[in-house]
């Protein structure tokens, strides 16, 4: 039996400090819906690698994981008209947008 491969349809676009006029970020944040870490992980390509670059452990036995950091939040919204997910980390929004 063949197992289905997970399709991550959202790719990293930018952080709020890298690529945007504040109006787009404000609108994205105002319209956001909270989601779980698992939802963002399922949809966003490269999230695990991004977390490792930020210094997170891959498992709780190795240290603090992105999932278990109480100061990080996960959201679904729209950015510049595109569906997106974002991670708010250290008061910075890191944004993954839907592939076109």
PDB file of N, CA and C in Angstrom:
ATOM      1  N   UNK A   1       0.828  -1.181   0.000  1.00  0.00           N
ATOM      2  CA  UNK A   1       0.000   0.000   0.000  1.00  0.00           C
ATOM      3  C   UNK A   1       0.874   1.246   0.000  1.00  0.00           C
ATOM      4  N   UNK A   2       0.525   2.185  -0.811  1.00  0.00           N
ATOM      5  CA  UNK A   2       1.297   3.413  -0.936  1.00  0.00           C
ATOM      6  C   UNK A   2       0.790   4.470   0.039  1.00  0.00           C
ATOM      7  N   UNK A   3       1.708   5.142   0.721  1.00  0.00           N
ATOM      8  CA  UNK A   3       1.278   6.198   1.636  1.00  0.00           C
ATOM      9  C   UNK A   3       1.278   7.530   0.906  1.00  0.00           C
ATOM     10  N   UNK A   4       0.342   8.346   1.255  1.00  0.00           N
ATOM     11  CA  UNK A   4       0.239   9.670   0.621  1.00  0.00           C
ATOM     12  C   UNK A   4       1.352  10.568   1.148  1.00  0.00           C
ATOM     13  N   UNK A   5       1.938  11.317   0.252  1.00  0.00           N
ATOM     14  CA  UNK A   5       2.952  12.273   0.678  1.00  0.00           C
ATOM     15  C   UNK A   5       2.272  13.574   1.046  1.00  0.00           C
ATOM     16  N   UNK A   6       2.799  14.190   2.057  1.00  0.00           N
ATOM     17  CA  UNK A   6       2.261  15.458   2.509  1.00  0.00           C
ATOM     18  C   UNK A   6       2.662  16.537   1.531  1.00  0.00           C
ATOM     19  N   UNK A   7       1.706  17.302   1.085  1.00  0.00           N
ATOM     20  CA  UNK A   7       1.966  18.400   0.151  1.00  0.00           C
ATOM     21  C   UNK A   7       1.955  19.701   0.934  1.00  0.00           C
ATOM     22  N   UNK A   8       3.087  20.351   1.019  1.00  0.00           N
ATOM     23  CA  UNK A   8       3.181  21.637   1.690  1.00  0.00           C
ATOM     24  C   UNK A   8       2.994  22.717   0.631  1.00  0.00           C
ATOM     25  N   UNK A   9       1.840  23.320   0.629  1.00  0.00           N
ATOM     26  CA  UNK A   9       1.488  24.266  -0.433  1.00  0.00           C
ATOM     27  C   UNK A   9       1.858  25.703  -0.113  1.00  0.00           C
ATOM     28  N   UNK A  10       2.410  25.947   1.057  1.00  0.00           N
ATOM     29  CA  UNK A  10       2.776  27.305   1.439  1.00  0.00           C
ATOM     30  C   UNK A  10       4.300  27.390   1.555  1.00  0.00           C
ATOM     31  N   UNK A  11       4.870  28.412   0.940  1.00  0.00           N
ATOM     32  CA  UNK A  11       6.322  28.585   0.940  1.00  0.00           C
ATOM     33  C   UNK A  11       6.681  29.874   1.679  1.00  0.00           C
ATOM     34  N   UNK A  12       7.858  29.866   2.281  1.00  0.00           N
ATOM     35  CA  UNK A  12       8.289  31.035   3.037  1.00  0.00           C
ATOM     36  C   UNK A  12       8.382  32.234   2.115  1.00  0.00           C
ATOM     37  N   UNK A  13       7.781  33.333   2.527  1.00  0.00           N
ATOM     38  CA  UNK A  13       7.792  34.558   1.730  1.00  0.00           C
ATOM     39  C   UNK A  13       8.745  35.589   2.328  1.00  0.00           C
ATOM     40  N   UNK A  14       8.557  35.917   3.602  1.00  0.00           N
ATOM     41  CA  UNK A  14       9.366  36.958   4.227  1.00  0.00           C
ATOM     42  C   UNK A  14       8.963  37.119   5.683  1.00  0.00           C
ATOM     43  N   UNK A  15       9.651  37.995   6.358  1.00  0.00           N
ATOM     44  CA  UNK A  15       9.218  38.412   7.692  1.00  0.00           C
ATOM     45  C   UNK A  15       8.668  39.828   7.564  1.00  0.00           C
ATOM     46  N   UNK A  16       7.981  40.272   8.586  1.00  0.00           N
ATOM     47  CA  UNK A  16       7.378  41.603   8.527  1.00  0.00           C
ATOM     48  C   UNK A  16       8.421  42.707   8.395  1.00  0.00           C
ATOM     49  N   UNK A  17       9.639  42.477   8.835  1.00  0.00           N
ATOM     50  CA  UNK A  17      10.669  43.510   8.736  1.00  0.00           C
ATOM     51  C   UNK A  17      11.408  43.475   7.399  1.00  0.00           C
ATOM     52  N   UNK A  18      11.243  42.388   6.640  1.00  0.00           N
ATOM     53  CA  UNK A  18      11.985  42.226   5.390  1.00  0.00           C
ATOM     54  C   UNK A  18      11.266  42.716   4.144  1.00  0.00           C
ATOM     55  N   UNK A  19       9.946  42.580   4.094  1.00  0.00           N
ATOM     56  CA  UNK A  19       9.339  42.713   2.777  1.00  0.00           C
ATOM     57  C   UNK A  19       8.016  43.444   2.723  1.00  0.00           C
ATOM     58  N   UNK A  20       7.723  44.278   3.663  1.00  0.00           N
ATOM     59  CA  UNK A  20       6.374  44.804   3.584  1.00  0.00           C
ATOM     60  C   UNK A  20       6.214  46.198   4.117  1.00  0.00           C
ATOM     61  N   UNK A  21       5.218  46.797   3.587  1.00  0.00           N
ATOM     62  CA  UNK A  21       4.647  48.031   4.082  1.00  0.00           C
ATOM     63  C   UNK A  21       3.790  47.621   5.287  1.00  0.00           C
ATOM     64  N   UNK A  22       3.810  48.370   6.336  1.00  0.00           N
ATOM     65  CA  UNK A  22       3.088  48.018   7.556  1.00  0.00           C
ATOM     66  C   UNK A  22       1.596  47.827   7.379  1.00  0.00           C
ATOM     67  N   UNK A  23       1.000  48.450   6.378  1.00  0.00           N
ATOM     68  CA  UNK A  23      -0.444  48.295   6.147  1.00  0.00           C
ATOM     69  C   UNK A  23      -0.807  46.844   5.853  1.00  0.00           C
ATOM     70  N   UNK A  24       0.032  46.155   5.071  1.00  0.00           N
ATOM     71  CA  UNK A  24      -0.241  44.750   4.730  1.00  0.00           C
ATOM     72  C   UNK A  24      -0.140  43.864   5.970  1.00  0.00           C
ATOM     73  N   UNK A  25       0.847  44.138   6.804  1.00  0.00           N
ATOM     74  CA  UNK A  25       1.023  43.355   8.032  1.00  0.00           C
ATOM     75  C   UNK A  25      -0.143  43.602   8.981  1.00  0.00           C
ATOM     76  N   UNK A  26      -0.532  44.869   9.164  1.00  0.00           N
ATOM     77  CA  UNK A  26      -1.641  45.194  10.059  1.00  0.00           C
ATOM     78  C   UNK A  26      -2.933  44.504   9.617  1.00  0.00           C
ATOM     79  N   UNK A  27      -3.213  44.520   8.320  1.00  0.00           N
ATOM     80  CA  UNK A  27      -4.407  43.862   7.790  1.00  0.00           C
ATOM     81  C   UNK A  27      -4.332  42.351   8.015  1.00  0.00           C
ATOM     82  N   UNK A  28      -3.169  41.766   7.754  1.00  0.00           N
ATOM     83  CA  UNK A  28      -2.971  40.331   7.951  1.00  0.00           C
ATOM     84  C   UNK A  28      -3.226  39.954   9.411  1.00  0.00           C
ATOM     85  N   UNK A  29      -2.662  40.709  10.329  1.00  0.00           N
ATOM     86  CA  UNK A  29      -2.807  40.426  11.760  1.00  0.00           C
ATOM     87  C   UNK A  29      -4.257  40.633  12.206  1.00  0.00           C
ATOM     88  N   UNK A  30      -4.895  41.694  11.734  1.00  0.00           N
ATOM     89  CA  UNK A  30      -6.284  41.973  12.112  1.00  0.00           C
ATOM     90  C   UNK A  30      -7.233  40.866  11.670  1.00  0.00           C
ATOM     91  N   UNK A  31      -6.957  40.232  10.538  1.00  0.00           N
ATOM     92  CA  UNK A  31      -7.840  39.202   9.986  1.00  0.00           C
ATOM     93  C   UNK A  31      -7.433  37.780  10.378  1.00  0.00           C
ATOM     94  N   UNK A  32      -6.406  37.643  11.180  1.00  0.00           N
ATOM     95  CA  UNK A  32      -5.838  36.324  11.494  1.00  0.00           C
ATOM     96  C   UNK A  32      -6.743  35.478  12.375  1.00  0.00           C
ATOM     97  N   UNK A  33      -6.600  34.173  12.170  1.00  0.00           N
ATOM     98  CA  UNK A  33      -7.247  33.154  12.992  1.00  0.00           C
ATOM     99  C   UNK A  33      -6.121  32.318  13.604  1.00  0.00           C
ATOM    100  N   UNK A  34      -6.201  32.083  14.898  1.00  0.00           N
ATOM    101  CA  UNK A  34      -5.204  31.240  15.545  1.00  0.00           C
ATOM    102  C   UNK A  34      -5.333  29.804  15.049  1.00  0.00           C
ATOM    103  N   UNK A  35      -4.198  29.158  14.825  1.00  0.00           N
ATOM    104  CA  UNK A  35      -4.158  27.750  14.431  1.00  0.00           C
ATOM    105  C   UNK A  35      -3.103  27.049  15.289  1.00  0.00           C
ATOM    106  N   UNK A  36      -3.022  25.757  15.154  1.00  0.00           N
ATOM    107  CA  UNK A  36      -2.053  24.987  15.936  1.00  0.00           C
ATOM    108  C   UNK A  36      -0.713  24.878  15.197  1.00  0.00           C
ATOM    109  N   UNK A  37       0.285  24.517  15.962  1.00  0.00           N
ATOM    110  CA  UNK A  37       1.593  24.229  15.376  1.00  0.00           C
ATOM    111  C   UNK A  37       1.467  23.137  14.323  1.00  0.00           C
ATOM    112  N   UNK A  38       0.688  22.089  14.632  1.00  0.00           N
ATOM    113  CA  UNK A  38       0.529  20.972  13.696  1.00  0.00           C
ATOM    114  C   UNK A  38      -0.056  21.428  12.359  1.00  0.00           C
ATOM    115  N   UNK A  39      -0.986  22.362  12.389  1.00  0.00           N
ATOM    116  CA  UNK A  39      -1.576  22.889  11.153  1.00  0.00           C
ATOM    117  C   UNK A  39      -0.524  23.608  10.321  1.00  0.00           C
ATOM    118  N   UNK A  40       0.252  24.459  10.958  1.00  0.00           N
ATOM    119  CA  UNK A  40       1.294  25.192  10.227  1.00  0.00           C
ATOM    120  C   UNK A  40       2.338  24.224   9.685  1.00  0.00           C
ATOM    121  N   UNK A  41       2.734  23.255  10.492  1.00  0.00           N
ATOM    122  CA  UNK A  41       3.718  22.258  10.053  1.00  0.00           C
ATOM    123  C   UNK A  41       3.205  21.485   8.840  1.00  0.00           C
ATOM    124  N   UNK A  42       1.936  21.137   8.840  1.00  0.00           N
ATOM    125  CA  UNK A  42       1.332  20.373   7.739  1.00  0.00           C
ATOM    126  C   UNK A  42       1.345  21.154   6.423  1.00  0.00           C
ATOM    127  N   UNK A  43       1.147  22.453   6.491  1.00  0.00           N
ATOM    128  CA  UNK A  43       0.971  23.254   5.281  1.00  0.00           C
ATOM    129  C   UNK A  43       2.207  24.027   4.819  1.00  0.00           C
ATOM    130  N   UNK A  44       3.134  24.302   5.714  1.00  0.00           N
ATOM    131  CA  UNK A  44       4.246  25.214   5.392  1.00  0.00           C
ATOM    132  C   UNK A  44       5.557  24.490   5.145  1.00  0.00           C
ATOM    133  N   UNK A  45       6.020  24.573   3.927  1.00  0.00           N
ATOM    134  CA  UNK A  45       7.279  23.949   3.526  1.00  0.00           C
ATOM    135  C   UNK A  45       8.446  24.627   4.245  1.00  0.00           C
ATOM    136  N   UNK A  46       9.309  23.808   4.823  1.00  0.00           N
ATOM    137  CA  UNK A  46      10.529  24.319   5.438  1.00  0.00           C
ATOM    138  C   UNK A  46      10.382  24.814   6.864  1.00  0.00           C
ATOM    139  N   UNK A  47       9.230  24.591   7.493  1.00  0.00           N
ATOM    140  CA  UNK A  47       9.045  25.085   8.861  1.00  0.00           C
ATOM    141  C   UNK A  47      10.031  24.449   9.833  1.00  0.00           C
ATOM    142  N   UNK A  48      10.238  23.151   9.730  1.00  0.00           N
ATOM    143  CA  UNK A  48      11.163  22.473  10.649  1.00  0.00           C
ATOM    144  C   UNK A  48      12.585  23.022  10.493  1.00  0.00           C
ATOM    145  N   UNK A  49      12.995  23.273   9.266  1.00  0.00           N
ATOM    146  CA  UNK A  49      14.333  23.828   9.018  1.00  0.00           C
ATOM    147  C   UNK A  49      14.430  25.251   9.547  1.00  0.00           C
ATOM    148  N   UNK A  50      13.365  26.033   9.353  1.00  0.00           N
ATOM    149  CA  UNK A  50      13.325  27.403   9.869  1.00  0.00           C
ATOM    150  C   UNK A  50      13.489  27.376  11.394  1.00  0.00           C
ATOM    151  N   UNK A  51      12.753  26.469  12.062  1.00  0.00           N
ATOM    152  CA  UNK A  51      12.833  26.358  13.522  1.00  0.00           C
ATOM    153  C   UNK A  51      14.243  25.982  13.968  1.00  0.00           C
ATOM    154  N   UNK A  52      14.877  25.066  13.250  1.00  0.00           N
ATOM    155  CA  UNK A  52      16.249  24.666  13.589  1.00  0.00           C
ATOM    156  C   UNK A  52      17.205  25.850  13.453  1.00  0.00           C
ATOM    157  N   UNK A  53      16.999  26.677  12.433  1.00  0.00           N
ATOM    158  CA  UNK A  53      17.845  27.872  12.261  1.00  0.00           C
ATOM    159  C   UNK A  53      17.670  28.858  13.410  1.00  0.00           C
ATOM    160  N   UNK A  54      16.501  28.851  14.018  1.00  0.00           N
ATOM    161  CA  UNK A  54      16.236  29.741  15.155  1.00  0.00           C
ATOM    162  C   UNK A  54      16.734  29.139  16.466  1.00  0.00           C
ATOM    163  N   UNK A  55      17.284  27.925  16.414  1.00  0.00           N
ATOM    164  CA  UNK A  55      17.876  27.313  17.594  1.00  0.00           C
ATOM    165  C   UNK A  55      16.990  26.332  18.330  1.00  0.00           C
ATOM    166  N   UNK A  56      15.850  25.988  17.756  1.00  0.00           N
ATOM    167  CA  UNK A  56      14.955  25.037  18.413  1.00  0.00           C
ATOM    168  C   UNK A  56      15.436  23.604  18.217  1.00  0.00           C
ATOM    169  N   UNK A  57      15.180  22.796  19.224  1.00  0.00           N
ATOM    170  CA  UNK A  57      15.491  21.367  19.157  1.00  0.00           C
ATOM    171  C   UNK A  57      14.417  20.677  18.320  1.00  0.00           C
ATOM    172  N   UNK A  58      14.775  19.528  17.743  1.00  0.00           N
ATOM    173  CA  UNK A  58      13.816  18.748  16.951  1.00  0.00           C
ATOM    174  C   UNK A  58      12.890  17.914  17.823  1.00  0.00           C
ATOM    175  N   UNK A  59      13.309  17.636  19.066  1.00  0.00           N
ATOM    176  CA  UNK A  59      12.444  16.888  19.987  1.00  0.00           C
ATOM    177  C   UNK A  59      12.593  17.479  21.384  1.00  0.00           C
ATOM    178  N   UNK A  60      11.581  17.280  22.210  1.00  0.00           N
ATOM    179  CA  UNK A  60      11.618  17.844  23.557  1.00  0.00           C
ATOM    180  C   UNK A  60      12.697  17.201  24.426  1.00  0.00           C
ATOM    181  N   UNK A  61      13.147  15.983  24.045  1.00  0.00           N
ATOM    182  CA  UNK A  61      14.243  15.357  24.786  1.00  0.00           C
ATOM    183  C   UNK A  61      15.561  16.089  24.540  1.00  0.00           C
ATOM    184  N   UNK A  62      15.640  16.807  23.427  1.00  0.00           N
ATOM    185  CA  UNK A  62      16.870  17.533  23.090  1.00  0.00           C
ATOM    186  C   UNK A  62      16.852  18.981  23.574  1.00  0.00           C
ATOM    187  N   UNK A  63      15.677  19.501  23.970  1.00  0.00           N
ATOM    188  CA  UNK A  63      15.574  20.886  24.418  1.00  0.00           C
ATOM    189  C   UNK A  63      14.243  21.496  24.014  1.00  0.00           C
ATOM    190  N   UNK A  64      14.189  22.810  23.999  1.00  0.00           N
ATOM    191  CA  UNK A  64      12.957  23.530  23.672  1.00  0.00           C
ATOM    192  C   UNK A  64      12.636  23.395  22.191  1.00  0.00           C
ATOM    193  N   UNK A  65      11.399  22.998  21.899  1.00  0.00           N
ATOM    194  CA  UNK A  65      10.937  22.896  20.514  1.00  0.00           C
ATOM    195  C   UNK A  65      10.060  24.094  20.183  1.00  0.00           C
ATOM    196  N   UNK A  66       9.911  24.371  18.911  1.00  0.00           N
ATOM    197  CA  UNK A  66       9.040  25.463  18.472  1.00  0.00           C
ATOM    198  C   UNK A  66       7.623  25.232  18.988  1.00  0.00           C
ATOM    199  N   UNK A  67       7.153  24.014  18.899  1.00  0.00           N
ATOM    200  CA  UNK A  67       5.799  23.672  19.347  1.00  0.00           C
ATOM    201  C   UNK A  67       5.595  23.990  20.824  1.00  0.00           C
ATOM    202  N   UNK A  68       6.605  23.790  21.637  1.00  0.00           N
ATOM    203  CA  UNK A  68       6.473  23.953  23.083  1.00  0.00           C
ATOM    204  C   UNK A  68       6.879  25.329  23.607  1.00  0.00           C
ATOM    205  N   UNK A  69       7.227  26.241  22.731  1.00  0.00           N
ATOM    206  CA  UNK A  69       7.603  27.590  23.161  1.00  0.00           C
ATOM    207  C   UNK A  69       6.319  28.403  23.376  1.00  0.00           C
ATOM    208  N   UNK A  70       6.030  28.714  24.623  1.00  0.00           N
ATOM    209  CA  UNK A  70       4.797  29.443  24.950  1.00  0.00           C
ATOM    210  C   UNK A  70       4.798  30.888  24.470  1.00  0.00           C
ATOM    211  N   UNK A  71       5.912  31.374  23.981  1.00  0.00           N
ATOM    212  CA  UNK A  71       6.003  32.752  23.507  1.00  0.00           C
ATOM    213  C   UNK A  71       5.889  32.851  21.990  1.00  0.00           C
ATOM    214  N   UNK A  72       5.541  31.755  21.340  1.00  0.00           N
ATOM    215  CA  UNK A  72       5.371  31.701  19.883  1.00  0.00           C
ATOM    216  C   UNK A  72       3.910  31.398  19.606  1.00  0.00           C
ATOM    217  N   UNK A  73       3.357  32.047  18.562  1.00  0.00           N
ATOM    218  CA  UNK A  73       1.973  31.747  18.190  1.00  0.00           C
ATOM    219  C   UNK A  73       1.888  31.496  16.687  1.00  0.00           C
ATOM    220  N   UNK A  74       0.821  30.808  16.294  1.00  0.00           N
ATOM    221  CA  UNK A  74       0.642  30.345  14.919  1.00  0.00           C
ATOM    222  C   UNK A  74      -0.712  30.829  14.402  1.00  0.00           C
ATOM    223  N   UNK A  75      -0.728  31.297  13.130  1.00  0.00           N
ATOM    224  CA  UNK A  75      -1.930  31.954  12.609  1.00  0.00           C
ATOM    225  C   UNK A  75      -2.139  31.665  11.130  1.00  0.00           C
ATOM    226  N   UNK A  76      -3.409  31.785  10.717  1.00  0.00           N
ATOM    227  CA  UNK A  76      -3.792  31.709   9.305  1.00  0.00           C
ATOM    228  C   UNK A  76      -4.434  33.045   8.948  1.00  0.00           C
ATOM    229  N   UNK A  77      -4.115  33.558   7.742  1.00  0.00           N
ATOM    230  CA  UNK A  77      -4.682  34.833   7.327  1.00  0.00           C
ATOM    231  C   UNK A  77      -4.506  35.000   5.819  1.00  0.00           C
ATOM    232  N   UNK A  78      -4.432  36.263   5.392  1.00  0.00           N
ATOM    233  CA  UNK A  78      -4.138  36.612   3.998  1.00  0.00           C
ATOM    234  C   UNK A  78      -3.079  37.710   4.028  1.00  0.00           C
ATOM    235  N   UNK A  79      -2.109  37.614   3.112  1.00  0.00           N
ATOM    236  CA  UNK A  79      -1.044  38.600   3.009  1.00  0.00           C
ATOM    237  C   UNK A  79      -0.983  39.073   1.565  1.00  0.00           C
ATOM    238  N   UNK A  80      -1.209  40.343   1.369  1.00  0.00           N
ATOM    239  CA  UNK A  80      -1.244  40.930   0.022  1.00  0.00           C
ATOM    240  C   UNK A  80      -2.208  40.156  -0.879  1.00  0.00           C
ATOM    241  N   UNK A  81      -3.338  39.743  -0.304  1.00  0.00           N
ATOM    242  CA  UNK A  81      -4.364  39.039  -1.059  1.00  0.00           C
ATOM    243  C   UNK A  81      -4.202  37.535  -1.163  1.00  0.00           C
ATOM    244  N   UNK A  82      -3.065  37.012  -0.742  1.00  0.00           N
ATOM    245  CA  UNK A  82      -2.814  35.566  -0.828  1.00  0.00           C
ATOM    246  C   UNK A  82      -3.069  34.888   0.512  1.00  0.00           C
ATOM    247  N   UNK A  83      -3.640  33.682   0.487  1.00  0.00           N
ATOM    248  CA  UNK A  83      -3.752  32.930   1.738  1.00  0.00           C
ATOM    249  C   UNK A  83      -2.353  32.713   2.322  1.00  0.00           C
ATOM    250  N   UNK A  84      -2.263  32.792   3.635  1.00  0.00           N
ATOM    251  CA  UNK A  84      -0.956  32.615   4.274  1.00  0.00           C
ATOM    252  C   UNK A  84      -1.111  32.013   5.657  1.00  0.00           C
ATOM    253  N   UNK A  85       0.002  31.511   6.136  1.00  0.00           N
ATOM    254  CA  UNK A  85       0.173  31.150   7.542  1.00  0.00           C
ATOM    255  C   UNK A  85       1.339  31.993   8.022  1.00  0.00           C
ATOM    256  N   UNK A  86       1.308  32.337   9.305  1.00  0.00           N
ATOM    257  CA  UNK A  86       2.483  33.014   9.849  1.00  0.00           C
ATOM    258  C   UNK A  86       2.739  32.583  11.275  1.00  0.00           C
ATOM    259  N   UNK A  87       4.003  32.701  11.637  1.00  0.00           N
ATOM    260  CA  UNK A  87       4.468  32.392  12.977  1.00  0.00           C
ATOM    261  C   UNK A  87       4.905  33.713  13.600  1.00  0.00           C
ATOM    262  N   UNK A  88       4.340  34.035  14.749  1.00  0.00           N
ATOM    263  CA  UNK A  88       4.792  35.228  15.468  1.00  0.00           C
ATOM    264  C   UNK A  88       5.835  34.763  16.471  1.00  0.00           C
ATOM    265  N   UNK A  89       7.051  35.216  16.233  1.00  0.00           N
ATOM    266  CA  UNK A  89       8.201  34.810  17.046  1.00  0.00           C
ATOM    267  C   UNK A  89       8.963  36.074  17.410  1.00  0.00           C
ATOM    268  N   UNK A  90       9.146  36.331  18.681  1.00  0.00           N
ATOM    269  CA  UNK A  90       9.872  37.506  19.143  1.00  0.00           C
ATOM    270  C   UNK A  90       9.261  38.789  18.560  1.00  0.00           C
ATOM    271  N   UNK A  91       7.935  38.835  18.525  1.00  0.00           N
ATOM    272  CA  UNK A  91       7.165  39.980  17.992  1.00  0.00           C
ATOM    273  C   UNK A  91       7.416  40.259  16.517  1.00  0.00           C
ATOM    274  N   UNK A  92       7.883  39.260  15.798  1.00  0.00           N
ATOM    275  CA  UNK A  92       8.089  39.370  14.349  1.00  0.00           C
ATOM    276  C   UNK A  92       7.234  38.304  13.682  1.00  0.00           C
ATOM    277  N   UNK A  93       6.510  38.690  12.643  1.00  0.00           N
ATOM    278  CA  UNK A  93       5.711  37.740  11.887  1.00  0.00           C
ATOM    279  C   UNK A  93       6.541  37.174  10.739  1.00  0.00           C
ATOM    280  N   UNK A  94       6.659  35.845  10.714  1.00  0.00           N
ATOM    281  CA  UNK A  94       7.348  35.143   9.635  1.00  0.00           C
ATOM    282  C   UNK A  94       6.254  34.489   8.794  1.00  0.00           C
ATOM    283  N   UNK A  95       6.221  34.806   7.506  1.00  0.00           N
ATOM    284  CA  UNK A  95       5.060  34.534   6.673  1.00  0.00           C
ATOM    285  C   UNK A  95       5.352  33.496   5.588  1.00  0.00           C
ATOM    286  N   UNK A  96       4.453  32.517   5.470  1.00  0.00           N
ATOM    287  CA  UNK A  96       4.460  31.527   4.389  1.00  0.00           C
ATOM    288  C   UNK A  96       3.197  31.779   3.550  1.00  0.00           C
ATOM    289  N   UNK A  97       3.353  31.990   2.256  1.00  0.00           N
ATOM    290  CA  UNK A  97       2.216  32.243   1.369  1.00  0.00           C
ATOM    291  C   UNK A  97       1.940  31.032   0.479  1.00  0.00           C
ATOM    292  N   UNK A  98       0.709  30.919   0.053  1.00  0.00           N
ATOM    293  CA  UNK A  98       0.292  29.827  -0.824  1.00  0.00           C
ATOM    294  C   UNK A  98       1.025  29.937  -2.160  1.00  0.00           C
ATOM    295  N   UNK A  99       1.537  28.799  -2.607  1.00  0.00           N
ATOM    296  CA  UNK A  99       2.201  28.744  -3.920  1.00  0.00           C
ATOM    297  C   UNK A  99       1.171  29.029  -5.005  1.00  0.00           C
ATOM    298  N   UNK A 100       1.609  29.756  -6.014  1.00  0.00           N
ATOM    299  CA  UNK A 100       0.680  30.026  -7.117  1.00  0.00           C
ATOM    300  C   UNK A 100       0.807  29.010  -8.213  1.00  0.00           C
TER     301      UNK A 100
END
